[in-house]
PDB file of N, CA and C in Angstrom:
ATOM      1  N   MET A   1     -32.886  54.050  48.923  1.00  0.00           N
ATOM      2  CA  MET A   1     -32.019  52.748  48.743  1.00  0.00           C
ATOM      3  C   MET A   1     -32.451  52.254  47.383  1.00  0.00           C
ATOM      4  N   LYS A   2     -31.153  51.304  46.895  1.00  0.00           N
ATOM      5  CA  LYS A   2     -31.391  50.757  45.730  1.00  0.00           C
ATOM      6  C   LYS A   2     -32.283  49.620  45.712  1.00  0.00           C
ATOM      7  N   PRO A   3     -32.949  49.356  44.749  1.00  0.00           N
ATOM      8  CA  PRO A   3     -33.926  48.005  44.599  1.00  0.00           C
ATOM      9  C   PRO A   3     -33.154  46.773  45.073  1.00  0.00           C
ATOM     10  N   ARG A   4     -32.018  46.735  44.372  1.00  0.00           N
ATOM     11  CA  ARG A   4     -31.134  45.332  44.746  1.00  0.00           C
ATOM     12  C   ARG A   4     -30.899  45.213  46.091  1.00  0.00           C
ATOM     13  N   LEU A   5     -30.672  46.305  47.021  1.00  0.00           N
ATOM     14  CA  LEU A   5     -30.472  46.334  48.407  1.00  0.00           C
ATOM     15  C   LEU A   5     -31.670  45.815  49.046  1.00  0.00           C
ATOM     16  N   PHE A   6     -32.894  46.347  48.602  1.00  0.00           N
ATOM     17  CA  PHE A   6     -34.152  45.823  49.258  1.00  0.00           C
ATOM     18  C   PHE A   6     -34.402  44.333  48.770  1.00  0.00           C
ATOM     19  N   LEU A   7     -34.021  43.932  47.676  1.00  0.00           N
ATOM     20  CA  LEU A   7     -34.256  42.532  47.367  1.00  0.00           C
ATOM     21  C   LEU A   7     -33.271  41.597  48.146  1.00  0.00           C
ATOM     22  N   ILE A   8     -32.058  41.974  48.439  1.00  0.00           N
ATOM     23  CA  ILE A   8     -31.290  41.414  49.276  1.00  0.00           C
ATOM     24  C   ILE A   8     -31.627  41.308  50.616  1.00  0.00           C
ATOM     25  N   ALA A   9     -32.053  42.371  51.332  1.00  0.00           N
ATOM     26  CA  ALA A   9     -32.563  42.429  52.675  1.00  0.00           C
ATOM     27  C   ALA A   9     -33.882  41.644  52.830  1.00  0.00           C
ATOM     28  N   GLY A  10     -34.631  41.692  51.760  1.00  0.00           N
ATOM     29  CA  GLY A  10     -35.841  40.798  51.937  1.00  0.00           C
ATOM     30  C   GLY A  10     -35.617  39.193  51.844  1.00  0.00           C
ATOM     31  N   ALA A  11     -34.606  38.857  51.129  1.00  0.00           N
ATOM     32  CA  ALA A  11     -34.275  37.442  51.002  1.00  0.00           C
ATOM     33  C   ALA A  11     -33.624  37.190  52.326  1.00  0.00           C
ATOM     34  N   VAL A  12     -32.828  37.859  53.011  1.00  0.00           N
ATOM     35  CA  VAL A  12     -32.302  37.573  54.186  1.00  0.00           C
ATOM     36  C   VAL A  12     -33.383  37.479  55.388  1.00  0.00           C
ATOM     37  N   ILE A  13     -34.182  38.278  55.422  1.00  0.00           N
ATOM     38  CA  ILE A  13     -35.311  38.348  56.394  1.00  0.00           C
ATOM     39  C   ILE A  13     -36.222  37.161  56.187  1.00  0.00           C
ATOM     40  N   LEU A  14     -36.418  36.732  54.881  1.00  0.00           N
ATOM     41  CA  LEU A  14     -37.346  35.464  54.425  1.00  0.00           C
ATOM     42  C   LEU A  14     -36.561  34.204  54.950  1.00  0.00           C
ATOM     43  N   ALA A  15     -35.297  34.239  54.899  1.00  0.00           N
ATOM     44  CA  ALA A  15     -34.445  32.934  55.180  1.00  0.00           C
ATOM     45  C   ALA A  15     -34.527  32.893  56.730  1.00  0.00           C
ATOM     46  N   VAL A  16     -34.451  34.043  57.448  1.00  0.00           N
ATOM     47  CA  VAL A  16     -34.277  33.896  58.905  1.00  0.00           C
ATOM     48  C   VAL A  16     -35.725  33.483  59.371  1.00  0.00           C
ATOM     49  N   VAL A  17     -36.789  34.027  58.839  1.00  0.00           N
ATOM     50  CA  VAL A  17     -38.218  33.593  59.325  1.00  0.00           C
ATOM     51  C   VAL A  17     -38.369  32.047  58.951  1.00  0.00           C
ATOM     52  N   TRP A  18     -38.022  31.651  57.880  1.00  0.00           N
ATOM     53  CA  TRP A  18     -38.054  30.386  57.292  1.00  0.00           C
ATOM     54  C   TRP A  18     -37.249  29.404  58.395  1.00  0.00           C
ATOM     55  N   THR A  19     -36.176  29.752  58.648  1.00  0.00           N
ATOM     56  CA  THR A  19     -35.443  28.938  59.787  1.00  0.00           C
ATOM     57  C   THR A  19     -35.929  28.904  61.053  1.00  0.00           C
ATOM     58  N   VAL A  20     -36.440  30.100  61.621  1.00  0.00           N
ATOM     59  CA  VAL A  20     -37.105  30.093  62.960  1.00  0.00           C
ATOM     60  C   VAL A  20     -38.471  29.235  62.906  1.00  0.00           C
ATOM     61  N   LEU A  21     -39.235  29.181  61.940  1.00  0.00           N
ATOM     62  CA  LEU A  21     -40.409  28.310  61.809  1.00  0.00           C
ATOM     63  C   LEU A  21     -40.085  26.902  61.680  1.00  0.00           C
ATOM     64  N   ALA A  22     -38.946  26.599  60.876  1.00  0.00           N
ATOM     65  CA  ALA A  22     -38.507  25.097  60.867  1.00  0.00           C
ATOM     66  C   ALA A  22     -37.947  24.706  62.142  1.00  0.00           C
ATOM     67  N   ARG A  23     -37.424  25.559  62.899  1.00  0.00           N
ATOM     68  CA  ARG A  23     -36.884  25.062  64.461  1.00  0.00           C
ATOM     69  C   ARG A  23     -38.171  24.817  65.238  1.00  0.00           C
ATOM     70  N   GLU A  24     -39.255  25.680  65.030  1.00  0.00           N
ATOM     71  CA  GLU A  24     -40.365  25.153  65.707  1.00  0.00           C
ATOM     72  C   GLU A  24     -41.004  23.719  65.472  1.00  0.00           C
ATOM     73  N   TRP A  25     -40.782  23.494  64.248  1.00  0.00           N
ATOM     74  CA  TRP A  25     -41.193  21.994  63.940  1.00  0.00           C
ATOM     75  C   TRP A  25     -40.283  21.100  64.346  1.00  0.00           C
ATOM     76  N   SER A  26     -38.904  21.521  64.575  1.00  0.00           N
ATOM     77  CA  SER A  26     -37.783  20.380  64.930  1.00  0.00           C
ATOM     78  C   SER A  26     -38.173  20.317  66.417  1.00  0.00           C
ATOM     79  N   ASP A  27     -38.531  21.345  67.102  1.00  0.00           N
ATOM     80  CA  ASP A  27     -38.813  21.236  68.477  1.00  0.00           C
ATOM     81  C   ASP A  27     -40.100  20.355  68.862  1.00  0.00           C
ATOM     82  N   LYS A  28     -40.722  20.066  67.761  1.00  0.00           N
ATOM     83  CA  LYS A  28     -41.957  19.090  68.073  1.00  0.00           C
ATOM     84  C   LYS A  28     -41.579  17.697  67.404  1.00  0.00           C
ATOM     85  N   GLY A  29     -40.255  17.302  67.305  1.00  0.00           N
ATOM     86  CA  GLY A  29     -39.949  16.097  66.971  1.00  0.00           C
ATOM     87  C   GLY A  29     -39.619  15.762  65.414  1.00  0.00           C
ATOM     88  N   CYS A  30     -39.644  16.738  64.623  1.00  0.00           N
ATOM     89  CA  CYS A  30     -39.586  16.567  63.146  1.00  0.00           C
ATOM     90  C   CYS A  30     -38.080  16.944  62.801  1.00  0.00           C
ATOM     91  N   SER A  31     -37.354  16.164  61.607  1.00  0.00           N
ATOM     92  CA  SER A  31     -36.190  16.343  61.381  1.00  0.00           C
ATOM     93  C   SER A  31     -36.081  17.869  60.790  1.00  0.00           C
ATOM     94  N   SER A  32     -34.803  18.190  60.588  1.00  0.00           N
ATOM     95  CA  SER A  32     -34.537  19.575  59.932  1.00  0.00           C
ATOM     96  C   SER A  32     -35.116  19.729  58.706  1.00  0.00           C
ATOM     97  N   GLY A  33     -34.808  18.779  57.857  1.00  0.00           N
ATOM     98  CA  GLY A  33     -35.511  18.819  56.405  1.00  0.00           C
ATOM     99  C   GLY A  33     -36.957  18.735  56.414  1.00  0.00           C
ATOM    100  N   GLN A  34     -37.527  18.006  57.490  1.00  0.00           N
ATOM    101  CA  GLN A  34     -38.966  18.013  57.348  1.00  0.00           C
ATOM    102  C   GLN A  34     -39.487  19.241  57.913  1.00  0.00           C
ATOM    103  N   GLY A  35     -38.848  19.859  58.787  1.00  0.00           N
ATOM    104  CA  GLY A  35     -39.064  21.246  59.298  1.00  0.00           C
ATOM    105  C   GLY A  35     -39.359  22.242  58.234  1.00  0.00           C
ATOM    106  N   TYR A  36     -38.246  22.382  57.353  1.00  0.00           N
ATOM    107  CA  TYR A  36     -38.238  23.402  56.294  1.00  0.00           C
ATOM    108  C   TYR A  36     -39.435  22.989  55.271  1.00  0.00           C
ATOM    109  N   ALA A  37     -39.766  21.856  55.021  1.00  0.00           N
ATOM    110  CA  ALA A  37     -40.686  21.382  54.001  1.00  0.00           C
ATOM    111  C   ALA A  37     -42.100  21.667  54.674  1.00  0.00           C
ATOM    112  N   LEU A  38     -42.255  21.429  55.882  1.00  0.00           N
ATOM    113  CA  LEU A  38     -43.473  21.587  56.693  1.00  0.00           C
ATOM    114  C   LEU A  38     -43.837  23.036  56.742  1.00  0.00           C
ATOM    115  N   VAL A  39     -42.847  23.866  56.887  1.00  0.00           N
ATOM    116  CA  VAL A  39     -43.123  25.377  56.706  1.00  0.00           C
ATOM    117  C   VAL A  39     -43.716  25.651  55.515  1.00  0.00           C
ATOM    118  N   LEU A  40     -43.251  25.039  54.433  1.00  0.00           N
ATOM    119  CA  LEU A  40     -43.900  25.562  53.139  1.00  0.00           C
ATOM    120  C   LEU A  40     -45.173  24.922  52.976  1.00  0.00           C
ATOM    121  N   THR A  41     -45.415  23.571  53.177  1.00  0.00           N
ATOM    122  CA  THR A  41     -46.692  23.022  53.020  1.00  0.00           C
ATOM    123  C   THR A  41     -47.882  23.302  54.027  1.00  0.00           C
ATOM    124  N   LYS A  42     -47.400  23.614  55.223  1.00  0.00           N
ATOM    125  CA  LYS A  42     -48.444  23.947  56.186  1.00  0.00           C
ATOM    126  C   LYS A  42     -48.425  25.495  56.394  1.00  0.00           C
ATOM    127  N   VAL A  43     -47.801  26.146  55.635  1.00  0.00           N
ATOM    128  CA  VAL A  43     -47.594  27.825  55.607  1.00  0.00           C
ATOM    129  C   VAL A  43     -47.358  28.212  57.055  1.00  0.00           C
ATOM    130  N   GLY A  44     -46.326  27.946  57.653  1.00  0.00           N
ATOM    131  CA  GLY A  44     -45.950  28.417  58.965  1.00  0.00           C
ATOM    132  C   GLY A  44     -45.603  27.367  60.115  1.00  0.00           C
ATOM    133  N   GLY A  45     -45.563  27.762  61.146  1.00  0.00           N
ATOM    134  CA  GLY A  45     -45.181  26.766  62.232  1.00  0.00           C
ATOM    135  C   GLY A  45     -46.408  26.012  62.657  1.00  0.00           C
ATOM    136  N   PRO A  46     -45.906  25.007  63.568  1.00  0.00           N
ATOM    137  CA  PRO A  46     -46.936  23.966  63.937  1.00  0.00           C
ATOM    138  C   PRO A  46     -48.091  24.657  64.839  1.00  0.00           C
ATOM    139  N   ASP A  47     -49.153  23.998  64.828  1.00  0.00           N
ATOM    140  CA  ASP A  47     -50.301  24.145  65.736  1.00  0.00           C
ATOM    141  C   ASP A  47     -50.080  23.434  67.023  1.00  0.00           C
ATOM    142  N   ASP A  48     -50.775  23.589  68.046  1.00  0.00           N
ATOM    143  CA  ASP A  48     -50.477  22.874  69.253  1.00  0.00           C
ATOM    144  C   ASP A  48     -50.626  21.297  69.047  1.00  0.00           C
ATOM    145  N   HIS A  49     -51.475  20.900  68.101  1.00  0.00           N
ATOM    146  CA  HIS A  49     -51.780  19.582  67.887  1.00  0.00           C
ATOM    147  C   HIS A  49     -50.984  18.926  66.622  1.00  0.00           C
ATOM    148  N   GLU A  50     -50.134  19.608  66.123  1.00  0.00           N
ATOM    149  CA  GLU A  50     -49.229  19.303  64.850  1.00  0.00           C
ATOM    150  C   GLU A  50     -47.924  19.011  65.394  1.00  0.00           C
ATOM    151  N   GLY A  51     -47.191  17.887  64.759  1.00  0.00           N
ATOM    152  CA  GLY A  51     -45.746  17.593  65.182  1.00  0.00           C
ATOM    153  C   GLY A  51     -45.221  16.321  64.451  1.00  0.00           C
ATOM    154  N   CYS A  52     -44.288  15.830  64.888  1.00  0.00           N
ATOM    155  CA  CYS A  52     -43.756  14.472  64.335  1.00  0.00           C
ATOM    156  C   CYS A  52     -43.534  13.511  65.498  1.00  0.00           C
ATOM    157  N   GLN A  53     -43.995  12.180  65.094  1.00  0.00           N
ATOM    158  CA  GLN A  53     -43.810  11.140  65.913  1.00  0.00           C
ATOM    159  C   GLN A  53     -42.943  10.036  65.331  1.00  0.00           C
ATOM    160  N   GLN A  54     -42.241   9.395  66.147  1.00  0.00           N
ATOM    161  CA  GLN A  54     -41.317   8.232  65.619  1.00  0.00           C
ATOM    162  C   GLN A  54     -42.024   7.109  64.814  1.00  0.00           C
ATOM    163  N   GLY A  55     -41.583   6.906  63.635  1.00  0.00           N
ATOM    164  CA  GLY A  55     -42.343   5.840  62.792  1.00  0.00           C
ATOM    165  C   GLY A  55     -41.166   4.900  62.335  1.00  0.00           C
ATOM    166  N   LEU A  56     -41.507   3.841  61.679  1.00  0.00           N
ATOM    167  CA  LEU A  56     -40.518   2.828  61.167  1.00  0.00           C
ATOM    168  C   LEU A  56     -39.414   3.492  60.323  1.00  0.00           C
ATOM    169  N   ASP A  57     -39.798   4.483  59.554  1.00  0.00           N
ATOM    170  CA  ASP A  57     -38.820   5.226  58.742  1.00  0.00           C
ATOM    171  C   ASP A  57     -38.328   6.521  59.234  1.00  0.00           C
ATOM    172  N   GLY A  58     -38.411   6.789  60.582  1.00  0.00           N
ATOM    173  CA  GLY A  58     -38.010   8.065  61.041  1.00  0.00           C
ATOM    174  C   GLY A  58     -39.252   8.889  61.357  1.00  0.00           C
ATOM    175  N   PRO A  59     -39.125  10.147  61.763  1.00  0.00           N
ATOM    176  CA  PRO A  59     -40.229  10.902  62.371  1.00  0.00           C
ATOM    177  C   PRO A  59     -41.143  11.192  61.112  1.00  0.00           C
ATOM    178  N   GLN A  60     -42.448  10.980  61.506  1.00  0.00           N
ATOM    179  CA  GLN A  60     -43.663  11.101  60.660  1.00  0.00           C
ATOM    180  C   GLN A  60     -44.546  12.368  61.154  1.00  0.00           C
ATOM    181  N   PHE A  61     -45.011  13.030  60.146  1.00  0.00           N
ATOM    182  CA  PHE A  61     -45.990  14.204  60.429  1.00  0.00           C
ATOM    183  C   PHE A  61     -47.237  13.396  61.184  1.00  0.00           C
ATOM    184  N   THR A  62     -47.710  14.307  62.179  1.00  0.00           N
ATOM    185  CA  THR A  62     -49.054  13.766  62.657  1.00  0.00           C
ATOM    186  C   THR A  62     -49.802  15.150  62.964  1.00  0.00           C
ATOM    187  N   ASP A  63     -51.089  15.042  62.989  1.00  0.00           N
ATOM    188  CA  ASP A  63     -52.065  16.122  63.404  1.00  0.00           C
ATOM    189  C   ASP A  63     -52.659  15.835  64.802  1.00  0.00           C
ATOM    190  N   ALA A  64     -51.983  14.647  65.509  1.00  0.00           N
ATOM    191  CA  ALA A  64     -52.504  14.439  66.695  1.00  0.00           C
ATOM    192  C   ALA A  64     -51.264  14.240  67.651  1.00  0.00           C
ATOM    193  N   TYR A  65     -50.525  15.188  67.654  1.00  0.00           N
ATOM    194  CA  TYR A  65     -49.179  15.378  68.396  1.00  0.00           C
ATOM    195  C   TYR A  65     -49.371  15.373  69.834  1.00  0.00           C
ATOM    196  N   THR A  66     -48.826  14.694  70.609  1.00  0.00           N
ATOM    197  CA  THR A  66     -48.983  14.498  72.071  1.00  0.00           C
ATOM    198  C   THR A  66     -47.799  15.025  72.804  1.00  0.00           C
ATOM    199  N   GLY A  67     -46.670  15.224  72.149  1.00  0.00           N
ATOM    200  CA  GLY A  67     -45.442  15.565  72.638  1.00  0.00           C
ATOM    201  C   GLY A  67     -45.053  15.388  73.968  1.00  0.00           C
TER     202      GLY A  67
END
């Protein structure tokens, strides 16, 4: 296969994984944008004790999530 095809396939796979992990953050109360950012900053999906709780300015990250 051509290297360009591998690059495209890799990019698609990376986008799918990033979206799945961002959805896990969304399931724990985070907004979509926060979910995508948290995947990058926390390097993956949430642990059992991580999530977002409603704050004055919208959902806020917490490491004491009780969902």
